[in-house]
Amino acid sequence: MAAMLPAAATDHSPEAPILSDTPPKTYSQPFEIANERVTVQPLLTPDSGAGNYADNILNLIQSAQSKLYIQTQYIHPPKEGTDDKFKKLIDAVAGKMNQGLEVCIIMSEYEATGSWLEKLQEAGLDMSKVKIQRGVHNKGFVVDSKIVALGSQNWSGDGVLRNRDASLIIYHEGAAQYFEKIFLHDWTTLANQKISFS
């Protein structure tokens, strides 16, 4: 399936829902954590305290030893000399790619507008590790099949630093592997590197 660009799309930070041609796989067995102690780190923006999104997500990315999976609506690199904390996140992802980790990124079809893919390449990301999937709106990270982060922060300067958003880092292998299965389904079944517009 090739990614389809809606007629109304622009290079701004879109939020409109997108209907997919392919129904998503359903996961009929809900994931449950029962009688276990689980560490959860709440993240909030804007916040410079313990719940700081940029610092905690940077630490999470840097902690990856073998795998880093990212599914997010878009990644819009900042202009030179602005939003340095956000730029460090992109640099950390590029660094994990350069180290040879299994890094896979899925983004929505909006990332294929406004030269954003070219800007990601200029920012140092290996575009062979990037795929486009229609209708992506979630913001999730899976690290080493052990940790999952889920939330609402878009990867832009505003989303990472200024907008009121919230995420959670969940330190639990079962939870991470549940979301990893969903990510890998999307990576192999719904996401593509070839993009066509119609």
C-alpha atoms as a PDB file:
ATOM      1  CA  MET A   1       0.000   0.000   0.000  1.00  0.00           C
ATOM      2  CA  ALA A   2       1.402   3.371  -0.962  1.00  0.00           C
ATOM      3  CA  ALA A   3       0.937   6.346   1.318  1.00  0.00           C
ATOM      4  CA  MET A   4      -1.831   8.642   0.143  1.00  0.00           C
ATOM      5  CA  LEU A   5      -1.680  12.378   0.727  1.00  0.00           C
ATOM      6  CA  PRO A   6      -5.020  13.999   1.585  1.00  0.00           C
ATOM      7  CA  ALA A   7      -5.820  16.996  -0.593  1.00  0.00           C
ATOM      8  CA  ALA A   8      -6.024  19.327   2.409  1.00  0.00           C
ATOM      9  CA  ALA A   9      -2.612  18.421   3.836  1.00  0.00           C
ATOM     10  CA  THR A  10      -0.020  21.129   4.363  1.00  0.00           C
ATOM     11  CA  ASP A  11       3.499  21.243   5.761  1.00  0.00           C
ATOM     12  CA  HIS A  12       2.166  22.482   9.120  1.00  0.00           C
ATOM     13  CA  SER A  13       1.707  20.293  12.182  1.00  0.00           C
ATOM     14  CA  PRO A  14      -1.511  18.466  11.205  1.00  0.00           C
ATOM     15  CA  GLU A  15      -3.958  16.991  13.654  1.00  0.00           C
ATOM     16  CA  ALA A  16      -6.893  15.892  11.487  1.00  0.00           C
ATOM     17  CA  PRO A  17      -7.778  12.171  11.663  1.00  0.00           C
ATOM     18  CA  ILE A  18      -6.851  10.081   8.633  1.00  0.00           C
ATOM     19  CA  LEU A  19      -8.844   7.055   7.503  1.00  0.00           C
ATOM     20  CA  SER A  20      -6.721   4.100   6.395  1.00  0.00           C
ATOM     21  CA  ASP A  21      -7.561   1.806   3.472  1.00  0.00           C
ATOM     22  CA  THR A  22      -6.336  -1.179   5.473  1.00  0.00           C
ATOM     23  CA  PRO A  23      -8.019  -1.980   8.776  1.00  0.00           C
ATOM     24  CA  PRO A  24      -5.510  -2.240  11.615  1.00  0.00           C
ATOM     25  CA  LYS A  25      -4.822  -5.590  13.208  1.00  0.00           C
ATOM     26  CA  THR A  26      -6.805  -5.948  16.386  1.00  0.00           C
ATOM     27  CA  TYR A  27      -5.220  -7.249  19.554  1.00  0.00           C
ATOM     28  CA  SER A  28      -8.062  -9.144  21.186  1.00  0.00           C
ATOM     29  CA  GLN A  29      -6.048 -10.074  24.256  1.00  0.00           C
ATOM     30  CA  PRO A  30      -5.785  -6.893  26.316  1.00  0.00           C
ATOM     31  CA  PHE A  31      -2.524  -6.440  28.114  1.00  0.00           C
ATOM     32  CA  GLU A  32      -2.790  -6.542  31.892  1.00  0.00           C
ATOM     33  CA  ILE A  33      -0.286  -6.075  34.668  1.00  0.00           C
ATOM     34  CA  ALA A  34      -1.542  -7.751  37.820  1.00  0.00           C
ATOM     35  CA  ASN A  35       0.117  -7.956  41.227  1.00  0.00           C
ATOM     36  CA  GLU A  36       3.379  -6.501  39.956  1.00  0.00           C
ATOM     37  CA  ARG A  37       5.335  -3.454  40.980  1.00  0.00           C
ATOM     38  CA  VAL A  38       5.835  -1.253  37.918  1.00  0.00           C
ATOM     39  CA  THR A  39       7.953   1.880  37.641  1.00  0.00           C
ATOM     40  CA  VAL A  40       6.282   4.649  35.655  1.00  0.00           C
ATOM     41  CA  GLN A  41       7.845   8.050  34.919  1.00  0.00           C
ATOM     42  CA  PRO A  42       5.277  10.772  34.110  1.00  0.00           C
ATOM     43  CA  LEU A  43       6.489  13.387  31.630  1.00  0.00           C
ATOM     44  CA  LEU A  44       4.971  16.805  31.195  1.00  0.00           C
ATOM     45  CA  THR A  45       5.569  19.783  28.955  1.00  0.00           C
ATOM     46  CA  PRO A  46       6.299  22.512  29.607  1.00  0.00           C
ATOM     47  CA  ASP A  47       8.105  21.395  32.767  1.00  0.00           C
ATOM     48  CA  SER A  48      11.709  21.744  33.925  1.00  0.00           C
ATOM     49  CA  GLY A  49      11.302  19.433  36.923  1.00  0.00           C
ATOM     50  CA  ALA A  50      11.477  15.660  37.306  1.00  0.00           C
ATOM     51  CA  GLY A  51       8.708  15.245  34.729  1.00  0.00           C
ATOM     52  CA  ASN A  52      10.674  17.028  32.011  1.00  0.00           C
ATOM     53  CA  TYR A  53       9.967  15.372  28.659  1.00  0.00           C
ATOM     54  CA  ALA A  54      13.098  16.305  26.701  1.00  0.00           C
ATOM     55  CA  ASP A  55      15.600  15.229  29.375  1.00  0.00           C
ATOM     56  CA  ASN A  56      13.864  11.946  30.165  1.00  0.00           C
ATOM     57  CA  ILE A  57      13.278  10.933  26.544  1.00  0.00           C
ATOM     58  CA  LEU A  58      16.909  11.812  25.758  1.00  0.00           C
ATOM     59  CA  ASN A  59      18.028   9.500  28.577  1.00  0.00           C
ATOM     60  CA  LEU A  60      15.696   6.798  27.280  1.00  0.00           C
ATOM     61  CA  ILE A  61      17.070   7.001  23.732  1.00  0.00           C
ATOM     62  CA  GLN A  62      20.653   7.041  24.991  1.00  0.00           C
ATOM     63  CA  SER A  63      19.956   3.947  27.104  1.00  0.00           C
ATOM     64  CA  ALA A  64      19.128   1.814  24.038  1.00  0.00           C
ATOM     65  CA  GLN A  65      21.579  -1.054  23.628  1.00  0.00           C
ATOM     66  CA  SER A  66      20.113  -3.057  20.734  1.00  0.00           C
ATOM     67  CA  LYS A  67      16.729  -1.763  19.489  1.00  0.00           C
ATOM     68  CA  LEU A  68      14.899   1.540  19.254  1.00  0.00           C
ATOM     69  CA  TYR A  69      11.473   1.673  17.648  1.00  0.00           C
ATOM     70  CA  ILE A  70       9.717   5.021  17.184  1.00  0.00           C
ATOM     71  CA  GLN A  71       6.221   5.581  15.831  1.00  0.00           C
ATOM     72  CA  THR A  72       5.175   9.206  15.749  1.00  0.00           C
ATOM     73  CA  GLN A  73       3.126  11.470  13.552  1.00  0.00           C
ATOM     74  CA  TYR A  74       6.105  13.523  12.433  1.00  0.00           C
ATOM     75  CA  ILE A  75       9.618  14.750  13.258  1.00  0.00           C
ATOM     76  CA  HIS A  76      10.185  18.385  12.295  1.00  0.00           C
ATOM     77  CA  PRO A  77      13.825  19.349  12.934  1.00  0.00           C
ATOM     78  CA  PRO A  78      14.304  22.848  14.347  1.00  0.00           C
ATOM     79  CA  LYS A  79      16.007  25.669  12.516  1.00  0.00           C
ATOM     80  CA  GLU A  80      19.701  26.038  13.210  1.00  0.00           C
ATOM     81  CA  GLY A  81      20.394  27.580  16.612  1.00  0.00           C
ATOM     82  CA  THR A  82      16.870  27.055  17.968  1.00  0.00           C
ATOM     83  CA  ASP A  83      15.288  24.488  20.298  1.00  0.00           C
ATOM     84  CA  ASP A  84      18.583  22.828  21.217  1.00  0.00           C
ATOM     85  CA  LYS A  85      16.943  20.397  23.665  1.00  0.00           C
ATOM     86  CA  PHE A  86      14.761  19.072  20.865  1.00  0.00           C
ATOM     87  CA  LYS A  87      17.699  18.878  18.446  1.00  0.00           C
ATOM     88  CA  LYS A  88      19.533  16.697  20.978  1.00  0.00           C
ATOM     89  CA  LEU A  89      16.738  14.124  20.699  1.00  0.00           C
ATOM     90  CA  ILE A  90      17.131  13.897  16.925  1.00  0.00           C
ATOM     91  CA  ASP A  91      20.922  13.764  17.285  1.00  0.00           C
ATOM     92  CA  ALA A  92      20.566  10.912  19.800  1.00  0.00           C
ATOM     93  CA  VAL A  93      18.436   8.896  17.370  1.00  0.00           C
ATOM     94  CA  ALA A  94      20.961   9.524  14.582  1.00  0.00           C
ATOM     95  CA  GLY A  95      23.727   8.467  16.966  1.00  0.00           C
ATOM     96  CA  LYS A  96      22.007   5.137  17.671  1.00  0.00           C
ATOM     97  CA  MET A  97      21.670   4.573  13.920  1.00  0.00           C
ATOM     98  CA  ASN A  98      25.381   5.291  13.465  1.00  0.00           C
ATOM     99  CA  GLN A  99      26.207   2.834  16.254  1.00  0.00           C
ATOM    100  CA  GLY A 100      24.463   0.095  14.283  1.00  0.00           C
ATOM    101  CA  LEU A 101      21.460  -0.444  16.529  1.00  0.00           C
ATOM    102  CA  GLU A 102      18.206  -1.684  15.057  1.00  0.00           C
ATOM    103  CA  VAL A 103      16.483   1.674  14.753  1.00  0.00           C
ATOM    104  CA  CYS A 104      13.117   1.826  12.959  1.00  0.00           C
ATOM    105  CA  ILE A 105      10.936   4.919  12.617  1.00  0.00           C
ATOM    106  CA  ILE A 106       7.347   5.058  11.358  1.00  0.00           C
ATOM    107  CA  MET A 107       5.694   8.415  10.630  1.00  0.00           C
ATOM    108  CA  SER A 108       2.490   9.597   9.008  1.00  0.00           C
ATOM    109  CA  GLU A 109       2.081  10.597   5.369  1.00  0.00           C
ATOM    110  CA  TYR A 110       2.319  14.244   6.442  1.00  0.00           C
ATOM    111  CA  GLU A 111       6.054  13.766   6.908  1.00  0.00           C
ATOM    112  CA  ALA A 112       6.320  13.362   3.143  1.00  0.00           C
ATOM    113  CA  THR A 113       5.170  16.985   2.649  1.00  0.00           C
ATOM    114  CA  GLY A 114       7.127  20.212   2.959  1.00  0.00           C
ATOM    115  CA  SER A 115      10.530  18.545   2.355  1.00  0.00           C
ATOM    116  CA  TRP A 116      10.496  17.118   5.899  1.00  0.00           C
ATOM    117  CA  LEU A 117      12.054  13.809   4.814  1.00  0.00           C
ATOM    118  CA  GLU A 118      14.928  15.706   3.211  1.00  0.00           C
ATOM    119  CA  LYS A 119      15.303  17.765   6.380  1.00  0.00           C
ATOM    120  CA  LEU A 120      15.504  14.566   8.431  1.00  0.00           C
ATOM    121  CA  GLN A 121      18.224  13.269   6.143  1.00  0.00           C
ATOM    122  CA  GLU A 122      20.100  16.552   6.536  1.00  0.00           C
ATOM    123  CA  ALA A 123      19.707  16.153  10.315  1.00  0.00           C
ATOM    124  CA  GLY A 124      21.627  12.865  10.104  1.00  0.00           C
ATOM    125  CA  LEU A 125      18.896  10.224  10.067  1.00  0.00           C
ATOM    126  CA  ASP A 126      19.405   7.133   7.902  1.00  0.00           C
ATOM    127  CA  MET A 127      16.341   7.207   5.687  1.00  0.00           C
ATOM    128  CA  SER A 128      16.523   3.464   5.004  1.00  0.00           C
ATOM    129  CA  LYS A 129      15.314   3.112   8.623  1.00  0.00           C
ATOM    130  CA  VAL A 130      12.259   5.324   8.060  1.00  0.00           C
ATOM    131  CA  LYS A 131       8.837   4.301   6.749  1.00  0.00           C
ATOM    132  CA  ILE A 132       5.583   6.147   6.129  1.00  0.00           C
ATOM    133  CA  GLN A 133       2.199   4.844   7.286  1.00  0.00           C
ATOM    134  CA  ARG A 134      -1.186   6.424   6.658  1.00  0.00           C
ATOM    135  CA  GLY A 135      -3.081   7.574   9.702  1.00  0.00           C
ATOM    136  CA  VAL A 136      -0.301   7.516  12.297  1.00  0.00           C
ATOM    137  CA  HIS A 137      -1.116   9.810  15.202  1.00  0.00           C
ATOM    138  CA  ASN A 138       0.420   8.044  18.190  1.00  0.00           C
ATOM    139  CA  LYS A 139       3.710   8.972  19.824  1.00  0.00           C
ATOM    140  CA  GLY A 140       5.500   5.877  21.077  1.00  0.00           C
ATOM    141  CA  PHE A 141       8.962   4.471  21.722  1.00  0.00           C
ATOM    142  CA  VAL A 142      10.035   0.909  22.479  1.00  0.00           C
ATOM    143  CA  VAL A 143      13.574   0.398  23.770  1.00  0.00           C
ATOM    144  CA  ASP A 144      15.314  -2.999  23.872  1.00  0.00           C
ATOM    145  CA  SER A 145      11.967  -4.831  24.283  1.00  0.00           C
ATOM    146  CA  LYS A 146      12.022  -3.668  27.919  1.00  0.00           C
ATOM    147  CA  ILE A 147      10.740  -0.098  28.129  1.00  0.00           C
ATOM    148  CA  VAL A 148       7.865   1.671  26.379  1.00  0.00           C
ATOM    149  CA  ALA A 149       7.044   5.381  26.311  1.00  0.00           C
ATOM    150  CA  LEU A 150       3.608   6.578  25.202  1.00  0.00           C
ATOM    151  CA  GLY A 151       2.077  10.014  25.151  1.00  0.00           C
ATOM    152  CA  SER A 152       0.945  13.068  23.250  1.00  0.00           C
ATOM    153  CA  GLN A 153       4.123  15.061  22.539  1.00  0.00           C
ATOM    154  CA  ASN A 154       4.649  15.636  18.827  1.00  0.00           C
ATOM    155  CA  TRP A 155       8.276  15.829  17.734  1.00  0.00           C
ATOM    156  CA  SER A 156       8.532  19.536  16.983  1.00  0.00           C
ATOM    157  CA  GLY A 157       9.976  22.358  19.033  1.00  0.00           C
ATOM    158  CA  ASP A 158       6.523  23.282  20.294  1.00  0.00           C
ATOM    159  CA  GLY A 159       5.503  19.696  20.988  1.00  0.00           C
ATOM    160  CA  VAL A 160       8.660  18.763  22.878  1.00  0.00           C
ATOM    161  CA  LEU A 161       9.230  22.033  24.736  1.00  0.00           C
ATOM    162  CA  ARG A 162       6.254  24.400  24.850  1.00  0.00           C
ATOM    163  CA  ASN A 163       2.840  22.778  24.358  1.00  0.00           C
ATOM    164  CA  ARG A 164       0.899  21.310  27.282  1.00  0.00           C
ATOM    165  CA  ASP A 165       1.356  17.568  26.693  1.00  0.00           C
ATOM    166  CA  ALA A 166       1.868  14.447  28.780  1.00  0.00           C
ATOM    167  CA  SER A 167       3.575  11.072  28.356  1.00  0.00           C
ATOM    168  CA  LEU A 168       4.528   8.066  30.458  1.00  0.00           C
ATOM    169  CA  ILE A 169       7.650   5.929  30.404  1.00  0.00           C
ATOM    170  CA  ILE A 170       6.678   2.417  31.537  1.00  0.00           C
ATOM    171  CA  TYR A 171       9.539   0.220  32.734  1.00  0.00           C
ATOM    172  CA  HIS A 172       7.966  -3.199  32.183  1.00  0.00           C
ATOM    173  CA  GLU A 173       9.067  -5.871  29.689  1.00  0.00           C
ATOM    174  CA  GLY A 174       5.563  -7.253  29.186  1.00  0.00           C
ATOM    175  CA  ALA A 175       4.152  -3.839  28.342  1.00  0.00           C
ATOM    176  CA  ALA A 176       7.092  -3.031  26.057  1.00  0.00           C
ATOM    177  CA  GLN A 177       6.776  -6.332  24.194  1.00  0.00           C
ATOM    178  CA  TYR A 178       3.031  -5.875  23.754  1.00  0.00           C
ATOM    179  CA  PHE A 179       3.567  -2.534  22.015  1.00  0.00           C
ATOM    180  CA  GLU A 180       6.604  -3.881  20.150  1.00  0.00           C
ATOM    181  CA  LYS A 181       4.382  -6.512  18.493  1.00  0.00           C
ATOM    182  CA  ILE A 182       2.020  -3.779  17.334  1.00  0.00           C
ATOM    183  CA  PHE A 183       4.921  -1.694  16.034  1.00  0.00           C
ATOM    184  CA  LEU A 184       6.418  -4.632  14.108  1.00  0.00           C
ATOM    185  CA  HIS A 185       3.013  -5.447  12.610  1.00  0.00           C
ATOM    186  CA  ASP A 186       2.736  -1.875  11.351  1.00  0.00           C
ATOM    187  CA  TRP A 187       6.371  -1.860  10.141  1.00  0.00           C
ATOM    188  CA  THR A 188       5.978  -5.023   8.063  1.00  0.00           C
ATOM    189  CA  THR A 189       2.332  -4.707   6.991  1.00  0.00           C
ATOM    190  CA  LEU A 190       1.201  -1.078   6.813  1.00  0.00           C
ATOM    191  CA  ALA A 191       4.304   1.121   6.497  1.00  0.00           C
ATOM    192  CA  ASN A 192       6.244   1.727   3.270  1.00  0.00           C
ATOM    193  CA  GLN A 193       9.368   3.475   2.089  1.00  0.00           C
ATOM    194  CA  LYS A 194       7.963   4.137  -1.368  1.00  0.00           C
ATOM    195  CA  ILE A 195       5.469   6.977  -1.320  1.00  0.00           C
ATOM    196  CA  SER A 196       2.963   7.839  -4.004  1.00  0.00           C
ATOM    197  CA  PHE A 197       0.563  10.770  -4.003  1.00  0.00           C
ATOM    198  CA  SER A 198      -2.873  10.853  -5.584  1.00  0.00           C
END
